[in-house]
């Protein structure tokens, strides 16, 4: 049962996200602050979008994204739109659907694995 999936080889790892240095990534408007743990090709992040954030690009990368707090608007290039609030997630594979981009009027904090 299930599907083939392999997490990169690593020991049991505990992450204190408050001690992971944040990097700032400007959007078309607002900014995103990423705290990132890279494990081989796997990237695990806590991302904080400022109020008024709009991504500066359309993304085709696959993600598992979980909203920790705030509200996130996800727009697909084909015009579909989704509002996610705390406790909601989305999952998409690399090139698995129309490209997407994020925005928020209120700000949002996310947990993302890609």
N, C-alpha and C. Protein backbone atom coordinates (compact mmCIF):
# COMPACT_ATOMS: atom_id res chain seq x y z
N UNK A 1 0.84 -1.17 0.00
CA UNK A 1 0.00 0.00 0.00
C UNK A 1 0.89 1.24 0.00
N UNK A 2 0.46 2.31 -0.62
CA UNK A 2 1.25 3.53 -0.63
C UNK A 2 1.94 3.74 -1.96
N UNK A 3 2.91 4.62 -1.95
CA UNK A 3 3.63 4.94 -3.16
C UNK A 3 5.10 5.07 -2.81
N UNK A 4 5.98 4.90 -3.80
CA UNK A 4 7.41 5.01 -3.50
C UNK A 4 7.77 6.45 -3.14
N UNK A 5 8.48 6.60 -2.06
CA UNK A 5 8.95 7.92 -1.63
C UNK A 5 10.18 7.70 -0.79
N UNK A 6 11.15 8.54 -0.98
CA UNK A 6 12.35 8.40 -0.18
C UNK A 6 12.75 9.75 0.38
N UNK A 7 12.77 9.84 1.69
CA UNK A 7 13.29 11.02 2.36
C UNK A 7 14.80 10.89 2.38
N UNK A 8 15.53 11.98 2.13
CA UNK A 8 16.99 11.86 2.15
C UNK A 8 17.48 11.26 3.46
N UNK A 9 18.57 10.52 3.38
CA UNK A 9 19.15 9.87 4.55
C UNK A 9 19.62 10.93 5.55
N UNK A 10 19.15 10.81 6.80
CA UNK A 10 19.58 11.72 7.85
C UNK A 10 19.27 11.09 9.19
N UNK A 11 20.01 11.49 10.22
CA UNK A 11 19.69 10.99 11.56
C UNK A 11 18.45 11.71 12.08
N UNK A 12 17.91 11.23 13.19
CA UNK A 12 16.81 11.90 13.87
C UNK A 12 17.27 13.32 14.19
N UNK A 13 16.53 14.31 13.73
CA UNK A 13 16.96 15.70 13.84
C UNK A 13 15.85 16.54 14.46
N UNK A 14 16.17 17.28 15.50
CA UNK A 14 15.23 18.21 16.12
C UNK A 14 15.64 19.61 15.69
N UNK A 15 14.68 20.42 15.28
CA UNK A 15 14.96 21.77 14.81
C UNK A 15 14.29 22.79 15.73
N UNK A 16 15.08 23.68 16.30
CA UNK A 16 14.55 24.83 17.04
C UNK A 16 14.51 25.98 16.04
N UNK A 17 13.33 26.19 15.44
CA UNK A 17 13.20 27.17 14.36
C UNK A 17 13.58 28.58 14.79
N UNK A 18 13.46 28.89 16.08
CA UNK A 18 13.83 30.23 16.55
C UNK A 18 15.33 30.47 16.44
N UNK A 19 16.11 29.41 16.29
CA UNK A 19 17.57 29.54 16.17
C UNK A 19 18.07 29.43 14.73
N UNK A 20 17.16 29.22 13.80
CA UNK A 20 17.53 29.16 12.38
C UNK A 20 17.50 30.58 11.82
N UNK A 21 18.61 31.04 11.28
CA UNK A 21 18.70 32.40 10.77
C UNK A 21 17.72 32.62 9.62
N UNK A 22 17.04 33.75 9.66
CA UNK A 22 16.06 34.09 8.63
C UNK A 22 16.73 34.84 7.49
N UNK A 23 16.26 34.56 6.28
CA UNK A 23 16.69 35.32 5.11
C UNK A 23 15.46 36.03 4.56
N UNK A 24 15.66 37.23 4.02
CA UNK A 24 14.55 38.04 3.51
C UNK A 24 14.50 37.96 1.99
N UNK A 25 13.29 37.75 1.47
CA UNK A 25 13.06 37.63 0.03
C UNK A 25 11.96 38.60 -0.35
N UNK A 26 12.30 39.66 -1.09
CA UNK A 26 11.26 40.63 -1.47
C UNK A 26 10.27 40.04 -2.46
N UNK A 27 9.02 40.42 -2.29
CA UNK A 27 8.00 40.05 -3.26
C UNK A 27 7.78 41.20 -4.21
N UNK A 28 6.79 41.06 -5.08
CA UNK A 28 6.39 42.20 -5.92
C UNK A 28 5.95 43.33 -4.98
N UNK A 29 5.25 42.95 -3.92
CA UNK A 29 4.98 43.85 -2.80
C UNK A 29 5.23 43.05 -1.52
N UNK A 30 5.62 43.72 -0.46
CA UNK A 30 5.89 43.05 0.80
C UNK A 30 7.13 42.18 0.73
N UNK A 31 7.29 41.33 1.75
CA UNK A 31 8.47 40.47 1.79
C UNK A 31 8.15 39.15 2.46
N UNK A 32 9.01 38.18 2.21
CA UNK A 32 8.93 36.87 2.85
C UNK A 32 10.21 36.67 3.65
N UNK A 33 10.06 36.14 4.86
CA UNK A 33 11.22 35.78 5.68
C UNK A 33 11.23 34.26 5.81
N UNK A 34 12.32 33.64 5.34
CA UNK A 34 12.44 32.19 5.35
C UNK A 34 13.42 31.75 6.42
N UNK A 35 13.06 30.73 7.16
CA UNK A 35 13.98 29.97 8.02
C UNK A 35 14.04 28.59 7.37
N UNK A 36 15.21 28.21 6.87
CA UNK A 36 15.32 27.06 5.98
C UNK A 36 16.27 26.01 6.52
N UNK A 37 15.85 24.75 6.42
CA UNK A 37 16.68 23.60 6.71
C UNK A 37 16.79 22.81 5.42
N UNK A 38 18.00 22.69 4.87
CA UNK A 38 18.22 21.92 3.65
C UNK A 38 18.78 20.55 4.02
N UNK A 39 18.13 19.51 3.50
CA UNK A 39 18.54 18.13 3.73
C UNK A 39 18.65 17.48 2.36
N UNK A 40 19.84 17.44 1.79
CA UNK A 40 19.98 16.93 0.43
C UNK A 40 19.15 17.81 -0.50
N UNK A 41 18.28 17.18 -1.28
CA UNK A 41 17.41 17.92 -2.20
C UNK A 41 16.11 18.38 -1.54
N UNK A 42 15.94 18.03 -0.27
CA UNK A 42 14.72 18.38 0.45
C UNK A 42 14.92 19.71 1.18
N UNK A 43 13.95 20.59 1.07
CA UNK A 43 13.99 21.89 1.74
C UNK A 43 12.78 21.97 2.66
N UNK A 44 13.03 22.27 3.95
CA UNK A 44 11.98 22.41 4.95
C UNK A 44 12.08 23.84 5.46
N UNK A 45 10.93 24.56 5.48
CA UNK A 45 10.98 26.00 5.82
C UNK A 45 9.82 26.43 6.69
N UNK A 46 10.09 27.43 7.52
CA UNK A 46 9.04 28.26 8.12
C UNK A 46 9.13 29.57 7.35
N UNK A 47 8.04 29.98 6.75
CA UNK A 47 8.03 31.19 5.93
C UNK A 47 6.98 32.15 6.52
N UNK A 48 7.40 33.39 6.72
CA UNK A 48 6.50 34.43 7.21
C UNK A 48 6.33 35.47 6.10
N UNK A 49 5.09 35.65 5.64
CA UNK A 49 4.77 36.68 4.65
C UNK A 49 4.27 37.91 5.39
N UNK A 50 4.78 39.06 5.02
CA UNK A 50 4.31 40.31 5.61
C UNK A 50 2.92 40.63 5.08
N UNK A 51 2.14 41.43 5.82
CA UNK A 51 0.86 41.90 5.27
C UNK A 51 1.12 42.61 3.93
N UNK A 52 0.26 42.35 2.96
CA UNK A 52 0.41 42.97 1.65
C UNK A 52 1.38 42.26 0.73
N UNK A 53 1.85 41.07 1.11
CA UNK A 53 2.82 40.33 0.29
C UNK A 53 2.15 39.80 -0.99
N UNK A 54 2.88 39.93 -2.10
CA UNK A 54 2.52 39.30 -3.38
C UNK A 54 3.80 38.76 -3.97
N UNK A 55 3.83 37.46 -4.27
CA UNK A 55 5.02 36.83 -4.85
C UNK A 55 5.41 37.52 -6.14
N UNK A 56 6.70 37.56 -6.40
CA UNK A 56 7.21 38.22 -7.61
C UNK A 56 7.38 37.25 -8.78
N UNK A 57 6.85 36.02 -8.65
CA UNK A 57 7.01 35.03 -9.71
C UNK A 57 5.89 33.99 -9.63
N UNK A 58 5.69 33.28 -10.73
CA UNK A 58 4.82 32.11 -10.77
C UNK A 58 5.70 30.90 -10.53
N UNK A 59 5.26 29.98 -9.69
CA UNK A 59 6.08 28.86 -9.25
C UNK A 59 5.54 27.54 -9.78
N UNK A 60 6.44 26.70 -10.32
CA UNK A 60 6.08 25.36 -10.78
C UNK A 60 6.64 24.28 -9.87
N UNK A 61 7.30 24.67 -8.79
CA UNK A 61 7.90 23.69 -7.89
C UNK A 61 6.82 23.04 -7.03
N UNK A 62 6.98 21.76 -6.75
CA UNK A 62 6.05 21.05 -5.89
C UNK A 62 6.27 21.43 -4.43
N UNK A 63 5.20 21.47 -3.67
CA UNK A 63 5.27 21.82 -2.25
C UNK A 63 4.22 21.03 -1.48
N UNK A 64 4.48 20.85 -0.20
CA UNK A 64 3.45 20.59 0.79
C UNK A 64 3.50 21.82 1.67
N UNK A 65 2.42 22.56 1.72
CA UNK A 65 2.37 23.84 2.42
C UNK A 65 1.25 23.78 3.45
N UNK A 66 1.57 24.17 4.70
CA UNK A 66 0.61 24.16 5.80
C UNK A 66 0.59 25.56 6.42
N UNK A 67 -0.60 26.14 6.56
CA UNK A 67 -0.74 27.48 7.12
C UNK A 67 -0.79 27.37 8.65
N UNK A 68 0.23 27.93 9.30
CA UNK A 68 0.29 27.94 10.76
C UNK A 68 -0.58 29.05 11.34
N UNK A 69 -0.51 30.24 10.73
CA UNK A 69 -1.37 31.34 11.17
C UNK A 69 -1.55 32.33 10.03
N UNK A 70 -2.62 33.12 10.14
CA UNK A 70 -2.93 34.10 9.11
C UNK A 70 -3.75 33.50 7.97
N UNK A 71 -3.77 34.24 6.86
CA UNK A 71 -4.51 33.82 5.66
C UNK A 71 -3.61 33.92 4.45
N UNK A 72 -3.69 32.93 3.59
CA UNK A 72 -2.89 32.88 2.37
C UNK A 72 -3.82 32.75 1.18
N UNK A 73 -3.60 33.56 0.16
CA UNK A 73 -4.32 33.42 -1.10
C UNK A 73 -3.38 32.78 -2.09
N UNK A 74 -3.80 31.65 -2.67
CA UNK A 74 -3.02 30.98 -3.71
C UNK A 74 -3.78 31.11 -5.02
N UNK A 75 -3.09 31.66 -5.99
CA UNK A 75 -3.68 31.87 -7.31
C UNK A 75 -2.94 30.99 -8.30
N UNK A 76 -3.68 30.27 -9.13
CA UNK A 76 -3.06 29.49 -10.19
C UNK A 76 -3.11 30.30 -11.48
N UNK A 77 -2.10 30.09 -12.30
CA UNK A 77 -1.98 30.88 -13.53
C UNK A 77 -3.21 30.74 -14.41
N UNK A 78 -3.95 29.64 -14.29
CA UNK A 78 -5.15 29.45 -15.12
C UNK A 78 -6.37 30.19 -14.56
N UNK A 79 -6.18 30.95 -13.46
CA UNK A 79 -7.26 31.77 -12.92
C UNK A 79 -7.93 31.24 -11.67
N UNK A 80 -7.70 29.98 -11.32
CA UNK A 80 -8.30 29.46 -10.08
C UNK A 80 -7.66 30.13 -8.88
N UNK A 81 -8.46 30.35 -7.83
CA UNK A 81 -7.98 30.99 -6.61
C UNK A 81 -8.46 30.21 -5.40
N UNK A 82 -7.59 30.14 -4.39
CA UNK A 82 -7.90 29.41 -3.16
C UNK A 82 -7.48 30.25 -1.97
N UNK A 83 -8.33 30.33 -0.96
CA UNK A 83 -8.00 31.02 0.30
C UNK A 83 -7.75 29.95 1.34
N UNK A 84 -6.58 29.98 1.95
CA UNK A 84 -6.24 29.04 3.01
C UNK A 84 -6.08 29.81 4.31
N UNK A 85 -6.61 29.24 5.38
CA UNK A 85 -6.49 29.83 6.70
C UNK A 85 -5.75 28.85 7.60
N UNK A 86 -5.42 29.29 8.81
CA UNK A 86 -4.68 28.45 9.75
C UNK A 86 -5.33 27.07 9.85
N UNK A 87 -4.49 26.05 9.75
CA UNK A 87 -4.96 24.67 9.83
C UNK A 87 -5.22 24.03 8.48
N UNK A 88 -5.11 24.81 7.39
CA UNK A 88 -5.32 24.28 6.04
C UNK A 88 -3.98 24.06 5.35
N UNK A 89 -3.98 23.21 4.32
CA UNK A 89 -2.76 22.96 3.55
C UNK A 89 -3.11 22.80 2.08
N UNK A 90 -2.06 22.85 1.25
CA UNK A 90 -2.19 22.38 -0.13
C UNK A 90 -0.97 21.54 -0.46
N UNK A 91 -1.16 20.68 -1.45
CA UNK A 91 -0.12 19.80 -1.93
C UNK A 91 -0.13 19.86 -3.44
N UNK A 92 1.04 20.00 -4.05
CA UNK A 92 1.13 20.00 -5.51
C UNK A 92 2.51 19.48 -5.88
N UNK A 93 2.59 18.72 -6.97
CA UNK A 93 3.88 18.18 -7.41
C UNK A 93 4.57 19.14 -8.38
N UNK A 94 5.83 18.92 -8.62
CA UNK A 94 6.55 19.71 -9.62
C UNK A 94 5.79 19.63 -10.94
N UNK A 95 5.45 20.75 -11.50
CA UNK A 95 4.73 20.84 -12.77
C UNK A 95 3.45 20.01 -12.75
N UNK A 96 2.84 19.84 -11.55
CA UNK A 96 1.66 19.00 -11.39
C UNK A 96 0.35 19.67 -11.74
N UNK A 97 0.38 20.97 -11.96
CA UNK A 97 -0.84 21.72 -12.27
C UNK A 97 -0.36 23.06 -12.81
N UNK A 98 -1.29 23.97 -13.02
CA UNK A 98 -0.90 25.31 -13.46
C UNK A 98 0.03 25.94 -12.42
N UNK A 99 0.98 26.75 -12.87
CA UNK A 99 1.87 27.45 -11.95
C UNK A 99 1.04 28.25 -10.95
N UNK A 100 1.63 28.47 -9.78
CA UNK A 100 0.90 29.14 -8.70
C UNK A 100 1.75 30.27 -8.12
N UNK A 101 1.07 31.19 -7.43
CA UNK A 101 1.76 32.22 -6.67
C UNK A 101 0.93 32.58 -5.46
N UNK A 102 1.62 33.12 -4.45
CA UNK A 102 0.99 33.40 -3.17
C UNK A 102 0.86 34.89 -2.92
N UNK A 103 -0.16 35.24 -2.14
CA UNK A 103 -0.31 36.61 -1.66
C UNK A 103 -1.06 36.55 -0.34
N UNK A 104 -0.98 37.65 0.40
CA UNK A 104 -1.74 37.76 1.64
C UNK A 104 -1.97 39.23 1.95
N UNK A 105 -3.17 39.56 2.38
CA UNK A 105 -3.43 40.94 2.80
C UNK A 105 -3.08 41.12 4.28
N UNK A 106 -3.25 40.04 5.07
CA UNK A 106 -3.10 40.13 6.51
C UNK A 106 -1.75 39.65 7.04
N UNK A 107 -1.00 38.92 6.22
CA UNK A 107 0.21 38.24 6.67
C UNK A 107 -0.10 36.79 6.94
N UNK A 108 0.92 35.94 6.84
CA UNK A 108 0.74 34.52 7.07
C UNK A 108 2.06 33.89 7.48
N UNK A 109 1.97 32.83 8.27
CA UNK A 109 3.13 32.02 8.62
C UNK A 109 2.85 30.60 8.14
N UNK A 110 3.81 30.04 7.42
CA UNK A 110 3.63 28.76 6.74
C UNK A 110 4.73 27.79 7.12
N UNK A 111 4.42 26.51 7.06
CA UNK A 111 5.41 25.44 7.14
C UNK A 111 5.39 24.77 5.78
N UNK A 112 6.55 24.74 5.10
CA UNK A 112 6.61 24.27 3.72
C UNK A 112 7.70 23.21 3.59
N UNK A 113 7.36 22.12 2.91
CA UNK A 113 8.33 21.09 2.56
C UNK A 113 8.34 20.98 1.04
N UNK A 114 9.52 21.12 0.46
CA UNK A 114 9.64 20.97 -1.01
C UNK A 114 11.03 20.51 -1.38
